[in-house]
C-alpha cells in the first residue's frame, strides 16, 4: 500500500531534489504526483512500500534538521553583512507595490465598514 511521505507544495526546487536524492541513495522506492493544470491534485512524494515509511521519515527528519541549520547559518551571515532587506528598504525599493497594497487595504476596510456608518 502506498504512503504519503512529503508534500511538495511551496517547497523550493533544491530541497525537493535533495529529498529525491536522499531517498534514491537509501534505496527507498518512491514516486511523485503533481497537482496538475487546475491544481486539483497534490504535489507530493509517495512511497510504494509502507514498510519503508518509518525509515524514510527518520531520514527526512534528519535531512530537514541539517537543512534548517544550514539555512539559518546562511541567514545569520547575510544579516551580519547587512544583506537582509528590512521592511523600510522593501518599501523604498517597491513604492508602487506598497502604495497599491495600502490602497487595497483601505478599499476593503471601506467596503466592510461603510454599511455600519449609514445604518
N, C-alpha and C. Protein backbone atom coordinates (compact mmCIF):
# COMPACT_ATOMS: atom_id res chain seq x y z
N UNK A 1 0.84 -1.17 0.00
CA UNK A 1 0.00 0.00 0.00
C UNK A 1 0.89 1.24 0.00
N UNK A 2 0.52 2.24 -0.75
CA UNK A 2 1.31 3.46 -0.86
C UNK A 2 1.09 4.36 0.36
N UNK A 3 2.10 5.18 0.64
CA UNK A 3 2.03 6.08 1.79
C UNK A 3 2.58 7.44 1.40
N UNK A 4 1.92 8.48 1.86
CA UNK A 4 2.38 9.84 1.63
C UNK A 4 3.58 10.11 2.53
N UNK A 5 4.65 10.57 1.93
CA UNK A 5 5.85 10.90 2.70
C UNK A 5 6.05 12.40 2.84
N UNK A 6 5.94 13.14 1.72
CA UNK A 6 6.39 14.53 1.72
C UNK A 6 5.57 15.34 0.72
N UNK A 7 4.88 16.36 1.19
CA UNK A 7 4.15 17.24 0.29
C UNK A 7 5.12 18.25 -0.31
N UNK A 8 5.00 18.47 -1.60
CA UNK A 8 5.92 19.35 -2.31
C UNK A 8 5.36 20.75 -2.56
N UNK A 9 4.20 21.05 -2.02
CA UNK A 9 3.60 22.36 -2.20
C UNK A 9 4.47 23.41 -1.52
N UNK A 10 4.86 24.43 -2.25
CA UNK A 10 5.69 25.54 -1.76
C UNK A 10 7.07 25.10 -1.28
N UNK A 11 7.57 23.98 -1.77
CA UNK A 11 8.91 23.51 -1.42
C UNK A 11 9.87 23.98 -2.51
N UNK A 12 11.00 24.57 -2.12
CA UNK A 12 11.98 25.01 -3.13
C UNK A 12 12.48 23.82 -3.95
N UNK A 13 12.82 24.08 -5.20
CA UNK A 13 13.27 23.01 -6.10
C UNK A 13 14.50 22.30 -5.58
N UNK A 14 15.44 23.04 -4.99
CA UNK A 14 16.66 22.40 -4.49
C UNK A 14 16.36 21.46 -3.33
N UNK A 15 15.41 21.81 -2.47
CA UNK A 15 15.05 20.93 -1.37
C UNK A 15 14.35 19.67 -1.88
N UNK A 16 13.45 19.82 -2.83
CA UNK A 16 12.77 18.66 -3.41
C UNK A 16 13.77 17.73 -4.07
N UNK A 17 14.74 18.29 -4.78
CA UNK A 17 15.77 17.47 -5.42
C UNK A 17 16.62 16.76 -4.37
N UNK A 18 16.95 17.44 -3.29
CA UNK A 18 17.71 16.81 -2.22
C UNK A 18 16.96 15.62 -1.62
N UNK A 19 15.66 15.76 -1.45
CA UNK A 19 14.84 14.67 -0.90
C UNK A 19 14.82 13.49 -1.86
N UNK A 20 14.69 13.77 -3.16
CA UNK A 20 14.72 12.69 -4.15
C UNK A 20 16.05 11.94 -4.10
N UNK A 21 17.14 12.68 -4.04
CA UNK A 21 18.47 12.07 -3.99
C UNK A 21 18.63 11.26 -2.71
N UNK A 22 18.18 11.80 -1.58
CA UNK A 22 18.27 11.12 -0.30
C UNK A 22 17.54 9.77 -0.34
N UNK A 23 16.35 9.78 -0.89
CA UNK A 23 15.58 8.54 -0.96
C UNK A 23 16.22 7.54 -1.92
N UNK A 24 16.71 8.03 -3.04
CA UNK A 24 17.36 7.14 -4.01
C UNK A 24 18.63 6.52 -3.44
N UNK A 25 19.43 7.32 -2.75
CA UNK A 25 20.67 6.81 -2.17
C UNK A 25 20.43 5.74 -1.11
N UNK A 26 19.29 5.84 -0.44
CA UNK A 26 18.95 4.87 0.60
C UNK A 26 18.04 3.76 0.10
N UNK A 27 17.92 3.67 -1.22
CA UNK A 27 17.15 2.61 -1.88
C UNK A 27 15.72 2.53 -1.38
N UNK A 28 15.12 3.70 -1.21
CA UNK A 28 13.70 3.78 -0.86
C UNK A 28 12.96 4.12 -2.14
N UNK A 29 12.10 3.22 -2.56
CA UNK A 29 11.37 3.38 -3.82
C UNK A 29 10.19 4.33 -3.61
N UNK A 30 10.12 5.33 -4.47
CA UNK A 30 9.10 6.36 -4.35
C UNK A 30 8.60 6.78 -5.72
N UNK A 31 7.53 7.53 -5.72
CA UNK A 31 7.04 8.16 -6.95
C UNK A 31 6.44 9.50 -6.56
N UNK A 32 6.28 10.36 -7.57
CA UNK A 32 5.74 11.70 -7.33
C UNK A 32 4.41 11.88 -8.04
N UNK A 33 3.58 12.69 -7.42
CA UNK A 33 2.35 13.12 -8.07
C UNK A 33 2.39 14.63 -8.20
N UNK A 34 1.70 15.13 -9.21
CA UNK A 34 1.65 16.57 -9.45
C UNK A 34 0.21 17.03 -9.40
N UNK A 35 0.01 18.25 -8.97
CA UNK A 35 -1.34 18.78 -8.79
C UNK A 35 -2.07 18.98 -10.10
N UNK A 36 -1.35 19.08 -11.19
CA UNK A 36 -1.99 19.24 -12.49
C UNK A 36 -2.26 20.70 -12.82
N UNK A 37 -2.82 20.90 -13.98
CA UNK A 37 -3.06 22.23 -14.51
C UNK A 37 -4.00 23.05 -13.64
N UNK A 38 -5.07 22.43 -13.14
CA UNK A 38 -6.05 23.16 -12.34
C UNK A 38 -5.77 23.07 -10.85
N UNK A 39 -4.61 22.50 -10.47
CA UNK A 39 -4.18 22.38 -9.07
C UNK A 39 -5.19 21.61 -8.22
N UNK A 40 -5.81 20.61 -8.82
CA UNK A 40 -6.80 19.81 -8.11
C UNK A 40 -6.17 18.63 -7.37
N UNK A 41 -4.96 18.25 -7.76
CA UNK A 41 -4.28 17.12 -7.14
C UNK A 41 -3.35 17.57 -6.04
N UNK A 42 -2.36 16.74 -5.78
CA UNK A 42 -1.42 17.01 -4.70
C UNK A 42 0.00 16.80 -5.20
N UNK A 43 0.82 17.84 -5.07
CA UNK A 43 2.25 17.70 -5.35
C UNK A 43 2.86 17.00 -4.16
N UNK A 44 3.34 15.79 -4.36
CA UNK A 44 3.85 15.03 -3.21
C UNK A 44 4.77 13.91 -3.66
N UNK A 45 5.52 13.41 -2.68
CA UNK A 45 6.34 12.21 -2.86
C UNK A 45 5.68 11.10 -2.04
N UNK A 46 5.46 9.99 -2.70
CA UNK A 46 4.79 8.84 -2.10
C UNK A 46 5.74 7.65 -2.09
N UNK A 47 5.56 6.77 -1.13
CA UNK A 47 6.34 5.54 -1.07
C UNK A 47 5.51 4.39 -1.60
N UNK A 48 6.17 3.50 -2.36
CA UNK A 48 5.48 2.31 -2.85
C UNK A 48 5.20 1.34 -1.71
N UNK A 49 6.14 1.21 -0.80
CA UNK A 49 6.07 0.22 0.26
C UNK A 49 5.92 0.91 1.60
N UNK A 50 4.81 0.69 2.28
CA UNK A 50 4.55 1.34 3.56
C UNK A 50 5.52 0.87 4.64
N UNK A 51 6.17 -0.28 4.43
CA UNK A 51 7.13 -0.76 5.42
C UNK A 51 8.38 0.11 5.47
N UNK A 52 8.63 0.88 4.44
CA UNK A 52 9.79 1.77 4.41
C UNK A 52 9.48 3.16 4.97
N UNK A 53 8.24 3.37 5.38
CA UNK A 53 7.80 4.69 5.81
C UNK A 53 8.56 5.21 7.01
N UNK A 54 8.72 4.40 8.05
CA UNK A 54 9.41 4.86 9.25
C UNK A 54 10.86 5.23 8.97
N UNK A 55 11.53 4.40 8.19
CA UNK A 55 12.92 4.68 7.83
C UNK A 55 13.00 5.98 7.02
N UNK A 56 12.10 6.14 6.06
CA UNK A 56 12.08 7.33 5.22
C UNK A 56 11.78 8.58 6.05
N UNK A 57 10.86 8.48 6.99
CA UNK A 57 10.53 9.63 7.84
C UNK A 57 11.72 10.04 8.70
N UNK A 58 12.46 9.05 9.20
CA UNK A 58 13.64 9.36 10.01
C UNK A 58 14.71 10.04 9.17
N UNK A 59 14.94 9.52 7.96
CA UNK A 59 15.91 10.14 7.05
C UNK A 59 15.50 11.57 6.72
N UNK A 60 14.23 11.76 6.45
CA UNK A 60 13.71 13.08 6.11
C UNK A 60 13.83 14.05 7.29
N UNK A 61 13.55 13.57 8.47
CA UNK A 61 13.67 14.42 9.66
C UNK A 61 15.12 14.84 9.89
N UNK A 62 16.05 13.92 9.73
CA UNK A 62 17.47 14.25 9.87
C UNK A 62 17.90 15.26 8.82
N UNK A 63 17.45 15.05 7.58
CA UNK A 63 17.78 15.98 6.50
C UNK A 63 17.23 17.37 6.79
N UNK A 64 15.98 17.44 7.25
CA UNK A 64 15.37 18.74 7.49
C UNK A 64 16.04 19.48 8.64
N UNK A 65 16.52 18.75 9.65
CA UNK A 65 17.27 19.38 10.73
C UNK A 65 18.56 19.99 10.19
N UNK A 66 19.28 19.24 9.36
CA UNK A 66 20.53 19.75 8.77
C UNK A 66 20.26 20.94 7.87
N UNK A 67 19.20 20.85 7.09
CA UNK A 67 18.86 21.96 6.19
C UNK A 67 18.47 23.20 6.98
N UNK A 68 17.72 23.02 8.03
CA UNK A 68 17.34 24.15 8.87
C UNK A 68 18.58 24.85 9.42
N UNK A 69 19.52 24.05 9.93
CA UNK A 69 20.74 24.63 10.49
C UNK A 69 21.54 25.39 9.42
N UNK A 70 21.68 24.79 8.24
CA UNK A 70 22.47 25.44 7.19
C UNK A 70 21.78 26.72 6.69
N UNK A 71 20.47 26.69 6.52
CA UNK A 71 19.75 27.88 6.07
C UNK A 71 19.78 28.97 7.13
N UNK A 72 19.71 28.56 8.39
CA UNK A 72 19.77 29.53 9.49
C UNK A 72 21.15 30.21 9.52
N UNK A 73 22.19 29.42 9.31
CA UNK A 73 23.55 29.98 9.28
C UNK A 73 23.71 30.96 8.11
N UNK A 74 23.16 30.59 6.94
CA UNK A 74 23.22 31.50 5.79
C UNK A 74 22.50 32.81 6.08
N UNK A 75 21.35 32.71 6.70
CA UNK A 75 20.58 33.90 7.04
C UNK A 75 21.35 34.77 8.03
N UNK A 76 21.93 34.14 9.07
CA UNK A 76 22.69 34.90 10.06
C UNK A 76 23.90 35.59 9.44
N UNK A 77 24.56 34.90 8.51
CA UNK A 77 25.70 35.51 7.82
C UNK A 77 25.25 36.70 6.98
N UNK A 78 24.14 36.54 6.28
CA UNK A 78 23.61 37.64 5.47
C UNK A 78 23.20 38.81 6.35
N UNK A 79 22.64 38.49 7.49
CA UNK A 79 22.21 39.53 8.42
C UNK A 79 23.42 40.30 8.97
N UNK A 80 24.49 39.58 9.28
CA UNK A 80 25.71 40.24 9.78
C UNK A 80 26.33 41.14 8.73
N UNK A 81 26.24 40.74 7.47
CA UNK A 81 26.80 41.54 6.38
C UNK A 81 25.89 42.70 5.99
N UNK A 82 24.67 42.71 6.53
CA UNK A 82 23.72 43.77 6.20
C UNK A 82 23.01 43.54 4.89
N UNK A 83 22.97 42.31 4.42
CA UNK A 83 22.33 41.99 3.14
C UNK A 83 20.85 41.67 3.26
N UNK A 84 20.36 41.51 4.49
CA UNK A 84 18.95 41.20 4.70
C UNK A 84 18.16 42.49 4.57
N UNK A 85 17.15 42.46 3.73
CA UNK A 85 16.35 43.65 3.44
C UNK A 85 15.34 43.89 4.56
N UNK A 86 15.33 45.11 5.09
CA UNK A 86 14.36 45.48 6.12
C UNK A 86 13.05 45.88 5.48
N UNK A 87 12.03 46.04 6.31
CA UNK A 87 10.72 46.45 5.80
C UNK A 87 10.81 47.82 5.14
N UNK A 88 11.51 48.75 5.77
CA UNK A 88 11.64 50.09 5.21
C UNK A 88 12.35 50.05 3.86
N UNK A 89 13.38 49.21 3.73
CA UNK A 89 14.10 49.08 2.46
C UNK A 89 13.19 48.50 1.38
N UNK A 90 12.35 47.53 1.76
CA UNK A 90 11.40 46.97 0.78
C UNK A 90 10.42 48.01 0.29
N UNK A 91 9.95 48.84 1.22
CA UNK A 91 9.01 49.90 0.85
C UNK A 91 9.67 50.87 -0.12
N UNK A 92 10.91 51.24 0.18
CA UNK A 92 11.63 52.18 -0.68
C UNK A 92 11.99 51.57 -2.04
N UNK A 93 12.25 50.26 -2.07
CA UNK A 93 12.59 49.58 -3.32
C UNK A 93 11.38 49.37 -4.23
N UNK A 94 10.20 49.22 -3.62
CA UNK A 94 8.99 48.98 -4.40
C UNK A 94 7.86 49.89 -3.92
N UNK A 95 7.98 51.19 -4.13
CA UNK A 95 6.96 52.11 -3.61
C UNK A 95 5.59 51.94 -4.27
N UNK A 96 5.57 51.61 -5.54
CA UNK A 96 4.28 51.44 -6.23
C UNK A 96 3.53 50.24 -5.66
N UNK A 97 4.24 49.17 -5.43
CA UNK A 97 3.61 47.97 -4.86
C UNK A 97 3.08 48.27 -3.46
N UNK A 98 3.87 48.97 -2.66
CA UNK A 98 3.45 49.32 -1.31
C UNK A 98 2.20 50.20 -1.35
N UNK A 99 2.20 51.19 -2.22
CA UNK A 99 1.06 52.08 -2.34
C UNK A 99 -0.19 51.32 -2.79
N UNK A 100 -0.02 50.39 -3.73
CA UNK A 100 -1.15 49.58 -4.20
C UNK A 100 -1.71 48.73 -3.06
N UNK A 101 -0.85 48.20 -2.24
CA UNK A 101 -1.31 47.39 -1.09
C UNK A 101 -2.08 48.26 -0.09
N UNK A 102 -1.57 49.43 0.18
CA UNK A 102 -2.27 50.33 1.11
C UNK A 102 -3.64 50.70 0.56
N UNK A 103 -3.71 51.02 -0.71
CA UNK A 103 -5.00 51.35 -1.33
C UNK A 103 -5.95 50.16 -1.27
N UNK A 104 -5.45 48.97 -1.52
CA UNK A 104 -6.29 47.77 -1.46
C UNK A 104 -6.82 47.54 -0.06
N UNK A 105 -5.99 47.71 0.95
CA UNK A 105 -6.43 47.52 2.33
C UNK A 105 -7.48 48.56 2.71
N UNK A 106 -7.26 49.81 2.34
CA UNK A 106 -8.23 50.86 2.64
C UNK A 106 -9.55 50.58 1.92
N UNK A 107 -9.49 50.12 0.68
CA UNK A 107 -10.70 49.81 -0.08
C UNK A 107 -11.50 48.70 0.59
N UNK A 108 -10.82 47.63 1.00
CA UNK A 108 -11.52 46.52 1.67
C UNK A 108 -12.10 46.97 3.00
N UNK A 109 -11.36 47.77 3.76
CA UNK A 109 -11.89 48.29 5.02
C UNK A 109 -13.13 49.15 4.79
N UNK A 110 -13.08 49.98 3.77
CA UNK A 110 -14.24 50.83 3.47
C UNK A 110 -15.45 49.98 3.07
N UNK A 111 -15.23 48.96 2.27
CA UNK A 111 -16.34 48.08 1.87
C UNK A 111 -16.98 47.40 3.07
N UNK A 112 -16.17 47.04 4.05
CA UNK A 112 -16.74 46.33 5.20
C UNK A 112 -17.31 47.27 6.25
N UNK A 113 -16.78 48.49 6.35
CA UNK A 113 -17.23 49.38 7.43
C UNK A 113 -18.32 50.39 7.01
N UNK A 114 -18.40 50.73 5.74
CA UNK A 114 -19.39 51.71 5.28
C UNK A 114 -20.82 51.32 5.63
N UNK A 115 -21.24 50.07 5.49
CA UNK A 115 -22.63 49.75 5.84
C UNK A 115 -22.98 50.06 7.31
N UNK A 116 -22.01 50.03 8.20
CA UNK A 116 -22.27 50.32 9.62
C UNK A 116 -22.41 51.82 9.88
N UNK A 117 -21.81 52.63 9.03
CA UNK A 117 -21.90 54.08 9.22
C UNK A 117 -23.21 54.66 8.70
N UNK A 118 -23.84 53.99 7.76
CA UNK A 118 -25.06 54.52 7.13
C UNK A 118 -26.31 53.72 7.51
N UNK A 119 -26.30 53.12 8.66
CA UNK A 119 -27.47 52.35 9.11
C UNK A 119 -28.37 53.23 9.93
